[in-house]
N, C-alpha and C. Protein backbone atom coordinates (compact mmCIF):
# COMPACT_ATOMS: atom_id res chain seq x y z
N MET A 1 9.16 0.27 8.38
CA MET A 1 9.48 0.25 6.96
C MET A 1 9.55 -1.18 6.44
N ARG A 2 10.02 -2.09 7.27
CA ARG A 2 10.14 -3.49 6.84
C ARG A 2 8.77 -4.04 6.46
N VAL A 3 7.74 -3.63 7.19
CA VAL A 3 6.39 -4.10 6.89
C VAL A 3 6.00 -3.65 5.49
N ALA A 4 6.25 -2.40 5.16
CA ALA A 4 5.92 -1.87 3.84
C ALA A 4 6.67 -2.64 2.76
N LEU A 5 7.93 -2.93 2.98
CA LEU A 5 8.71 -3.66 1.99
C LEU A 5 8.15 -5.06 1.78
N ARG A 6 7.72 -5.71 2.86
CA ARG A 6 7.12 -7.05 2.72
C ARG A 6 5.79 -6.97 1.97
N LEU A 7 4.99 -5.95 2.27
CA LEU A 7 3.73 -5.78 1.55
C LEU A 7 3.98 -5.55 0.07
N PHE A 8 4.92 -4.69 -0.25
CA PHE A 8 5.22 -4.41 -1.65
C PHE A 8 5.63 -5.69 -2.37
N ALA A 9 6.41 -6.53 -1.71
CA ALA A 9 6.84 -7.79 -2.32
C ALA A 9 5.63 -8.70 -2.56
N LYS A 10 4.75 -8.80 -1.59
CA LYS A 10 3.57 -9.66 -1.73
C LYS A 10 2.60 -9.12 -2.77
N TRP A 11 2.51 -7.80 -2.91
CA TRP A 11 1.62 -7.19 -3.88
C TRP A 11 2.24 -7.11 -5.27
N GLY A 12 3.53 -7.45 -5.39
CA GLY A 12 4.20 -7.39 -6.69
C GLY A 12 4.53 -5.98 -7.14
N VAL A 13 4.83 -5.11 -6.20
CA VAL A 13 5.13 -3.71 -6.51
C VAL A 13 6.61 -3.56 -6.82
N GLU A 14 6.91 -2.96 -7.96
CA GLU A 14 8.30 -2.68 -8.35
C GLU A 14 8.85 -1.52 -7.50
N ASP A 15 10.17 -1.43 -7.42
CA ASP A 15 10.81 -0.43 -6.58
C ASP A 15 10.39 1.00 -6.92
N ASP A 16 10.33 1.35 -8.19
CA ASP A 16 9.95 2.71 -8.56
C ASP A 16 8.54 3.04 -8.10
N ASP A 17 7.63 2.08 -8.26
CA ASP A 17 6.26 2.29 -7.79
C ASP A 17 6.20 2.37 -6.27
N ALA A 18 6.99 1.55 -5.61
CA ALA A 18 7.03 1.57 -4.15
C ALA A 18 7.50 2.94 -3.66
N ARG A 19 8.51 3.47 -4.28
CA ARG A 19 9.01 4.81 -3.90
C ARG A 19 7.94 5.86 -4.11
N ALA A 20 7.17 5.74 -5.18
CA ALA A 20 6.10 6.70 -5.46
C ALA A 20 5.00 6.57 -4.41
N ILE A 21 4.60 5.34 -4.09
CA ILE A 21 3.55 5.11 -3.11
C ILE A 21 3.94 5.70 -1.75
N LEU A 22 5.21 5.64 -1.43
CA LEU A 22 5.70 6.18 -0.16
C LEU A 22 5.86 7.70 -0.18
N GLY A 23 5.47 8.33 -1.25
CA GLY A 23 5.54 9.79 -1.30
C GLY A 23 6.75 10.30 -2.03
N ALA A 24 7.20 9.56 -3.04
CA ALA A 24 8.31 9.97 -3.90
C ALA A 24 9.62 10.14 -3.13
N ILE A 25 9.94 9.12 -2.31
CA ILE A 25 11.23 9.18 -1.62
C ILE A 25 12.33 8.91 -2.63
N ASP A 26 13.52 9.40 -2.32
CA ASP A 26 14.61 9.26 -3.28
C ASP A 26 15.14 7.82 -3.31
N GLU A 27 15.76 7.49 -4.42
CA GLU A 27 16.21 6.11 -4.66
C GLU A 27 17.25 5.65 -3.64
N ALA A 28 18.18 6.53 -3.27
CA ALA A 28 19.23 6.16 -2.32
C ALA A 28 18.64 5.80 -0.96
N THR A 29 17.68 6.58 -0.50
CA THR A 29 17.04 6.29 0.79
C THR A 29 16.30 4.96 0.72
N TYR A 30 15.58 4.74 -0.37
CA TYR A 30 14.84 3.49 -0.51
C TYR A 30 15.78 2.28 -0.52
N ARG A 31 16.89 2.40 -1.22
CA ARG A 31 17.86 1.28 -1.26
C ARG A 31 18.44 1.00 0.12
N ARG A 32 18.72 2.06 0.89
CA ARG A 32 19.23 1.86 2.25
C ARG A 32 18.20 1.12 3.10
N TRP A 33 16.93 1.50 2.96
CA TRP A 33 15.89 0.84 3.73
C TRP A 33 15.74 -0.62 3.33
N LYS A 34 15.90 -0.90 2.05
CA LYS A 34 15.81 -2.30 1.61
C LYS A 34 16.95 -3.12 2.18
N ALA A 35 18.10 -2.48 2.37
CA ALA A 35 19.28 -3.18 2.87
C ALA A 35 19.20 -3.43 4.38
N GLY A 36 18.50 -2.60 5.09
CA GLY A 36 18.43 -2.76 6.54
C GLY A 36 17.69 -1.61 7.18
N PRO A 37 17.54 -1.67 8.48
CA PRO A 37 16.78 -0.62 9.15
C PRO A 37 17.44 0.76 8.98
N GLY A 38 16.59 1.73 8.95
CA GLY A 38 17.07 3.10 8.82
C GLY A 38 16.06 4.07 9.40
N ARG A 39 16.44 5.30 9.47
CA ARG A 39 15.56 6.33 9.98
C ARG A 39 14.42 6.59 9.00
N ILE A 40 13.22 6.73 9.51
CA ILE A 40 12.06 6.98 8.67
C ILE A 40 11.68 8.46 8.79
N PRO A 41 11.71 9.17 7.67
CA PRO A 41 11.31 10.59 7.72
C PRO A 41 9.85 10.72 8.12
N ARG A 42 9.57 11.75 8.87
CA ARG A 42 8.18 12.00 9.31
C ARG A 42 7.24 12.14 8.12
N SER A 43 7.75 12.60 7.00
CA SER A 43 6.89 12.85 5.85
C SER A 43 6.23 11.58 5.30
N ILE A 44 6.83 10.42 5.54
CA ILE A 44 6.22 9.19 5.01
C ILE A 44 5.49 8.37 6.07
N GLU A 45 5.52 8.83 7.32
CA GLU A 45 4.81 8.10 8.37
C GLU A 45 3.33 7.92 8.05
N PRO A 46 2.64 8.97 7.54
CA PRO A 46 1.23 8.75 7.18
C PRO A 46 1.05 7.71 6.08
N HIS A 47 1.98 7.65 5.13
CA HIS A 47 1.92 6.65 4.06
C HIS A 47 2.04 5.24 4.64
N LEU A 48 2.99 5.08 5.55
CA LEU A 48 3.18 3.77 6.18
C LEU A 48 1.95 3.37 7.00
N SER A 49 1.38 4.31 7.72
CA SER A 49 0.19 4.04 8.51
C SER A 49 -0.97 3.59 7.60
N ALA A 50 -1.16 4.29 6.50
CA ALA A 50 -2.23 3.94 5.57
C ALA A 50 -1.99 2.55 4.97
N LEU A 51 -0.74 2.25 4.63
CA LEU A 51 -0.42 0.93 4.07
C LEU A 51 -0.76 -0.19 5.05
N ILE A 52 -0.45 0.03 6.31
CA ILE A 52 -0.78 -0.98 7.33
C ILE A 52 -2.30 -1.12 7.44
N GLY A 53 -3.02 0.00 7.36
CA GLY A 53 -4.47 -0.05 7.38
C GLY A 53 -5.04 -0.79 6.18
N ILE A 54 -4.43 -0.60 5.02
CA ILE A 54 -4.85 -1.32 3.81
C ILE A 54 -4.63 -2.82 4.00
N HIS A 55 -3.47 -3.15 4.50
CA HIS A 55 -3.16 -4.57 4.74
C HIS A 55 -4.18 -5.17 5.72
N TRP A 56 -4.47 -4.45 6.79
CA TRP A 56 -5.42 -4.93 7.78
C TRP A 56 -6.79 -5.13 7.15
N GLY A 57 -7.23 -4.17 6.34
CA GLY A 57 -8.52 -4.29 5.67
C GLY A 57 -8.58 -5.49 4.75
N LEU A 58 -7.49 -5.73 4.02
CA LEU A 58 -7.45 -6.89 3.13
C LEU A 58 -7.52 -8.20 3.92
N ARG A 59 -6.84 -8.23 5.05
CA ARG A 59 -6.86 -9.45 5.87
C ARG A 59 -8.25 -9.71 6.44
N LEU A 60 -8.99 -8.64 6.74
CA LEU A 60 -10.35 -8.81 7.23
C LEU A 60 -11.31 -9.19 6.11
N MET A 61 -11.06 -8.67 4.92
CA MET A 61 -11.95 -8.89 3.79
C MET A 61 -11.79 -10.29 3.19
N PHE A 62 -10.57 -10.81 3.21
CA PHE A 62 -10.28 -12.11 2.59
C PHE A 62 -9.70 -13.07 3.63
N SER A 63 -10.31 -14.23 3.76
CA SER A 63 -9.78 -15.22 4.70
C SER A 63 -8.47 -15.82 4.19
N ASP A 64 -8.30 -15.86 2.87
CA ASP A 64 -7.06 -16.36 2.27
C ASP A 64 -6.17 -15.15 1.93
N PRO A 65 -5.04 -14.98 2.61
CA PRO A 65 -4.19 -13.82 2.36
C PRO A 65 -3.81 -13.65 0.89
N GLN A 66 -3.59 -14.76 0.18
CA GLN A 66 -3.19 -14.66 -1.23
C GLN A 66 -4.26 -13.96 -2.08
N ARG A 67 -5.51 -14.18 -1.75
CA ARG A 67 -6.59 -13.50 -2.48
C ARG A 67 -6.53 -11.99 -2.24
N GLY A 68 -6.22 -11.61 -1.02
CA GLY A 68 -6.08 -10.19 -0.71
C GLY A 68 -4.91 -9.56 -1.45
N TYR A 69 -3.79 -10.26 -1.49
CA TYR A 69 -2.62 -9.74 -2.22
C TYR A 69 -2.95 -9.61 -3.70
N ALA A 70 -3.64 -10.61 -4.24
CA ALA A 70 -3.99 -10.58 -5.67
C ALA A 70 -5.01 -9.48 -5.96
N TRP A 71 -5.91 -9.20 -5.03
CA TRP A 71 -6.93 -8.18 -5.22
C TRP A 71 -6.30 -6.83 -5.56
N MET A 72 -5.14 -6.57 -5.00
CA MET A 72 -4.46 -5.28 -5.24
C MET A 72 -4.09 -5.09 -6.71
N SER A 73 -3.98 -6.17 -7.47
CA SER A 73 -3.57 -6.09 -8.88
C SER A 73 -4.70 -6.35 -9.86
N ARG A 74 -5.92 -6.42 -9.36
CA ARG A 74 -7.06 -6.68 -10.24
C ARG A 74 -7.84 -5.40 -10.50
N PRO A 75 -8.22 -5.15 -11.76
CA PRO A 75 -9.05 -3.97 -12.06
C PRO A 75 -10.33 -4.00 -11.24
N ASN A 76 -10.76 -2.82 -10.81
CA ASN A 76 -11.91 -2.72 -9.94
C ASN A 76 -12.75 -1.51 -10.36
N ALA A 77 -14.04 -1.72 -10.49
CA ALA A 77 -14.94 -0.63 -10.90
C ALA A 77 -14.89 0.54 -9.93
N ILE A 78 -14.63 0.27 -8.66
CA ILE A 78 -14.54 1.34 -7.66
C ILE A 78 -13.45 2.35 -8.03
N PHE A 79 -12.43 1.87 -8.72
CA PHE A 79 -11.30 2.73 -9.10
C PHE A 79 -11.30 3.01 -10.61
N ASN A 80 -12.51 3.08 -11.19
CA ASN A 80 -12.65 3.34 -12.63
C ASN A 80 -11.89 2.32 -13.46
N ASP A 81 -12.02 1.07 -13.09
CA ASP A 81 -11.38 -0.07 -13.75
C ASP A 81 -9.86 -0.07 -13.67
N ALA A 82 -9.31 0.75 -12.82
CA ALA A 82 -7.87 0.67 -12.52
C ALA A 82 -7.71 -0.34 -11.39
N THR A 83 -6.49 -0.78 -11.17
CA THR A 83 -6.23 -1.66 -10.03
C THR A 83 -6.04 -0.78 -8.79
N PRO A 84 -6.24 -1.34 -7.61
CA PRO A 84 -5.97 -0.56 -6.41
C PRO A 84 -4.51 -0.05 -6.39
N LEU A 85 -3.58 -0.86 -6.87
CA LEU A 85 -2.19 -0.39 -6.92
C LEU A 85 -2.03 0.81 -7.84
N GLN A 86 -2.71 0.80 -8.96
CA GLN A 86 -2.65 1.95 -9.86
C GLN A 86 -3.26 3.18 -9.19
N ALA A 87 -4.30 2.96 -8.41
CA ALA A 87 -4.97 4.07 -7.74
C ALA A 87 -4.06 4.76 -6.71
N ILE A 88 -3.14 4.00 -6.11
CA ILE A 88 -2.26 4.59 -5.09
C ILE A 88 -0.86 4.88 -5.61
N ALA A 89 -0.57 4.50 -6.85
CA ALA A 89 0.79 4.61 -7.37
C ALA A 89 1.31 6.04 -7.48
N GLY A 90 0.43 7.01 -7.46
CA GLY A 90 0.88 8.40 -7.55
C GLY A 90 1.51 8.93 -6.28
N GLY A 91 1.38 8.18 -5.19
CA GLY A 91 1.99 8.60 -3.94
C GLY A 91 1.18 9.62 -3.17
N ASP A 92 -0.03 9.91 -3.65
CA ASP A 92 -0.90 10.87 -2.97
C ASP A 92 -1.46 10.23 -1.70
N ILE A 93 -1.21 10.83 -0.57
CA ILE A 93 -1.69 10.28 0.70
C ILE A 93 -3.20 10.16 0.70
N LYS A 94 -3.89 11.05 0.00
CA LYS A 94 -5.35 10.99 -0.05
C LYS A 94 -5.81 9.71 -0.75
N ALA A 95 -5.10 9.26 -1.77
CA ALA A 95 -5.46 8.01 -2.46
C ALA A 95 -5.26 6.81 -1.52
N LEU A 96 -4.19 6.82 -0.76
CA LEU A 96 -3.96 5.74 0.21
C LEU A 96 -5.06 5.71 1.26
N ILE A 97 -5.43 6.88 1.74
CA ILE A 97 -6.47 6.95 2.77
C ILE A 97 -7.82 6.53 2.20
N ARG A 98 -8.12 6.92 0.95
CA ARG A 98 -9.38 6.50 0.32
C ARG A 98 -9.45 4.98 0.22
N LEU A 99 -8.34 4.35 -0.18
CA LEU A 99 -8.32 2.89 -0.29
C LEU A 99 -8.47 2.26 1.09
N ARG A 100 -7.75 2.78 2.06
CA ARG A 100 -7.87 2.24 3.43
C ARG A 100 -9.30 2.39 3.93
N ASP A 101 -9.91 3.55 3.71
CA ASP A 101 -11.28 3.78 4.16
C ASP A 101 -12.28 2.89 3.43
N TYR A 102 -12.05 2.66 2.14
CA TYR A 102 -12.92 1.77 1.38
C TYR A 102 -12.88 0.36 1.98
N LEU A 103 -11.69 -0.13 2.24
CA LEU A 103 -11.56 -1.47 2.81
C LEU A 103 -12.16 -1.54 4.20
N THR A 104 -11.97 -0.49 4.98
CA THR A 104 -12.56 -0.46 6.32
C THR A 104 -14.08 -0.53 6.23
N ALA A 105 -14.66 0.24 5.31
CA ALA A 105 -16.12 0.24 5.15
C ALA A 105 -16.62 -1.13 4.69
N GLN A 106 -15.86 -1.82 3.85
CA GLN A 106 -16.28 -3.12 3.35
C GLN A 106 -16.24 -4.19 4.43
N THR A 107 -15.47 -3.97 5.48
CA THR A 107 -15.31 -5.00 6.51
C THR A 107 -16.13 -4.71 7.76
N GLN A 108 -16.90 -3.63 7.75
CA GLN A 108 -17.73 -3.29 8.92
C GLN A 108 -19.04 -4.08 8.85
N PRO A 109 -19.56 -4.44 10.00
CA PRO A 109 -20.79 -5.25 9.99
C PRO A 109 -22.03 -4.49 9.54
N TRP A 110 -22.02 -3.18 9.53
CA TRP A 110 -23.20 -2.40 9.14
C TRP A 110 -22.90 -1.58 7.95
């Protein structure tokens, strides 16, 4: 969970959006996680896995980490001129996986 919190900070994600991206977890649980380690419900494990995959894809795509963090907030034609963060803000695991898969495809040699 700490990794997700660090990514959200680097991407400029507000708490309400972060909770939505994680699958609409409740505010009290999110605040506890921000304060320190806590139990992670199985329901958000796929969200966390996808977020790590997105981060990995960004690191492969951009040699400068700051460019990758900024890319998440820039409108992109792939997402109908929405930002990647807007594309995943609904908390739909399918949106997270689509973004992760897009980044994976962009970083493959073929």
